[in-house]
Amino acid sequence: MSVNYGSKRVVVGAHYGLRDWLSQRVTAVLMALFTLALLAQVIFSKGPIGYDKWAGIFSAQWMKVLTFTVIISLAWHAWVGVREILMDYIKPVGLRLALQVFTIVWLVGCAGWGIQVLWRL
């Protein structure tokens, strides 16, 4: 005779690690491709690299959109990495939560500042 306890079994964190692993890889590839595109623009530009040249590179709408995507990807990449470190090494829950909130506020501030600089050009 088998006893059925229902199907209210909750699996906490199922595929959580896979999602984090995949997001780290996707954001890293995106940042690497952006770096290559930026390097290509710098290498193949004529004349000395100064403010005007940098402003010219980032003035194109497609470059602003790509840079915006990379800024968000960088913030997400950093958040996943820092969150994992905090979860692994900071055992007191209150301290870990405070550090996670600080990290989120810091990353949102940095991303906001980066976007502000980008669209100010």
Protein backbone atom coordinates (compact mmCIF):
# COMPACT_ATOMS: atom_id res chain seq x y z
CA MET A 1 0.00 0.00 0.00
CA SER A 2 1.42 3.37 -0.95
CA VAL A 3 0.55 6.62 0.68
CA ASN A 4 0.11 9.67 -1.51
CA TYR A 5 1.17 12.84 0.28
CA GLY A 6 0.12 15.04 -2.60
CA SER A 7 2.20 16.90 -5.11
CA LYS A 8 2.95 19.96 -3.01
CA ARG A 9 6.63 19.20 -2.99
CA VAL A 10 8.55 22.41 -3.55
CA VAL A 11 11.97 22.21 -5.08
CA VAL A 12 13.88 25.32 -4.13
CA GLY A 13 16.49 26.53 -6.58
CA ALA A 14 15.75 24.08 -9.37
CA HIS A 15 17.73 25.18 -12.44
CA TYR A 16 18.81 28.29 -10.54
CA GLY A 17 22.47 27.44 -11.04
CA LEU A 18 21.97 26.73 -14.73
CA ARG A 19 20.25 30.08 -15.26
CA ASP A 20 23.08 31.92 -13.49
CA TRP A 21 25.74 29.99 -15.38
CA LEU A 22 24.03 30.70 -18.69
CA SER A 23 23.48 34.40 -17.94
CA GLN A 24 27.16 34.76 -17.00
CA ARG A 25 28.21 33.20 -20.31
CA VAL A 26 25.77 35.19 -22.45
CA THR A 27 26.70 38.52 -20.84
CA ALA A 28 30.42 37.70 -21.10
CA VAL A 29 30.11 36.91 -24.82
CA LEU A 30 28.13 40.11 -25.38
CA MET A 31 30.77 42.17 -23.57
CA ALA A 32 33.56 40.47 -25.52
CA LEU A 33 31.84 41.17 -28.86
CA PHE A 34 31.32 44.80 -27.83
CA THR A 35 35.00 45.09 -26.94
CA LEU A 36 35.99 43.71 -30.34
CA ALA A 37 33.62 46.12 -32.14
CA LEU A 38 35.00 49.05 -30.14
CA LEU A 39 38.60 48.00 -30.78
CA ALA A 40 37.87 47.70 -34.51
CA GLN A 41 36.49 51.22 -34.56
CA VAL A 42 39.54 52.57 -32.70
CA ILE A 43 42.07 50.63 -34.76
CA PHE A 44 40.55 51.55 -38.12
CA SER A 45 39.91 55.20 -37.34
CA LYS A 46 42.17 57.77 -38.93
CA GLY A 47 44.04 60.34 -36.91
CA PRO A 48 44.77 60.68 -33.23
CA ILE A 49 42.30 59.39 -30.65
CA GLY A 50 40.90 62.29 -28.66
CA TYR A 51 37.59 63.38 -27.21
CA ASP A 52 36.15 64.20 -30.64
CA LYS A 53 37.00 60.75 -31.97
CA TRP A 54 35.47 59.00 -28.92
CA ALA A 55 32.37 61.19 -29.12
CA GLY A 56 32.11 60.34 -32.82
CA ILE A 57 32.28 56.61 -32.13
CA PHE A 58 29.51 56.79 -29.55
CA SER A 59 27.33 59.31 -31.43
CA ALA A 60 25.86 56.71 -33.79
CA GLN A 61 22.48 55.45 -32.53
CA TRP A 62 23.39 51.78 -33.08
CA MET A 63 26.51 52.24 -30.93
CA LYS A 64 24.49 53.91 -28.17
CA VAL A 65 21.99 51.04 -28.17
CA LEU A 66 24.78 48.46 -28.17
CA THR A 67 26.60 50.29 -25.37
CA PHE A 68 23.37 50.57 -23.37
CA THR A 69 22.88 46.81 -23.75
CA VAL A 70 26.45 46.19 -22.61
CA ILE A 71 26.06 48.48 -19.57
CA ILE A 72 22.97 46.53 -18.49
CA SER A 73 24.76 43.23 -19.23
CA LEU A 74 27.77 44.32 -17.19
CA ALA A 75 25.57 45.25 -14.24
CA TRP A 76 23.74 41.92 -14.43
CA HIS A 77 27.01 39.99 -14.82
CA ALA A 78 28.46 41.74 -11.76
CA TRP A 79 25.28 41.19 -9.74
CA VAL A 80 25.20 37.45 -10.40
CA GLY A 81 28.88 37.10 -9.51
CA VAL A 82 28.77 39.21 -6.36
CA ARG A 83 25.53 37.58 -5.22
CA GLU A 84 27.11 34.14 -5.53
CA ILE A 85 30.16 35.24 -3.57
CA LEU A 86 28.01 36.76 -0.83
CA MET A 87 25.80 33.66 -0.65
CA ASP A 88 28.84 31.39 -0.40
CA TYR A 89 30.94 33.32 2.10
CA ILE A 90 28.71 35.61 4.20
CA LYS A 91 26.74 33.40 6.56
CA PRO A 92 24.91 35.93 8.81
CA VAL A 93 21.67 36.59 6.93
CA GLY A 94 21.32 40.23 8.02
CA LEU A 95 24.83 41.15 6.92
CA ARG A 96 24.42 39.28 3.64
CA LEU A 97 21.13 41.05 2.93
CA ALA A 98 22.67 44.45 3.70
CA LEU A 99 25.59 43.75 1.38
CA GLN A 100 23.26 42.54 -1.36
CA VAL A 101 21.11 45.68 -1.08
CA PHE A 102 24.25 47.84 -1.13
CA THR A 103 25.48 45.97 -4.23
CA ILE A 104 22.16 46.44 -6.04
CA VAL A 105 22.05 50.17 -5.22
CA TRP A 106 25.69 50.57 -6.29
CA LEU A 107 25.20 48.71 -9.58
CA VAL A 108 22.00 50.58 -10.45
CA GLY A 109 23.77 53.87 -9.67
CA CYS A 110 26.76 52.96 -11.83
CA ALA A 111 24.53 51.80 -14.70
CA GLY A 112 22.44 54.97 -14.44
CA TRP A 113 25.55 57.13 -14.47
CA GLY A 114 26.93 55.23 -17.48
CA ILE A 115 23.67 55.67 -19.37
CA GLN A 116 23.56 59.36 -18.47
CA VAL A 117 27.09 59.84 -19.81
CA LEU A 118 26.25 57.85 -22.94
CA TRP A 119 23.20 59.88 -23.87
CA ARG A 120 24.84 63.18 -22.97
CA LEU A 121 27.30 62.86 -25.88
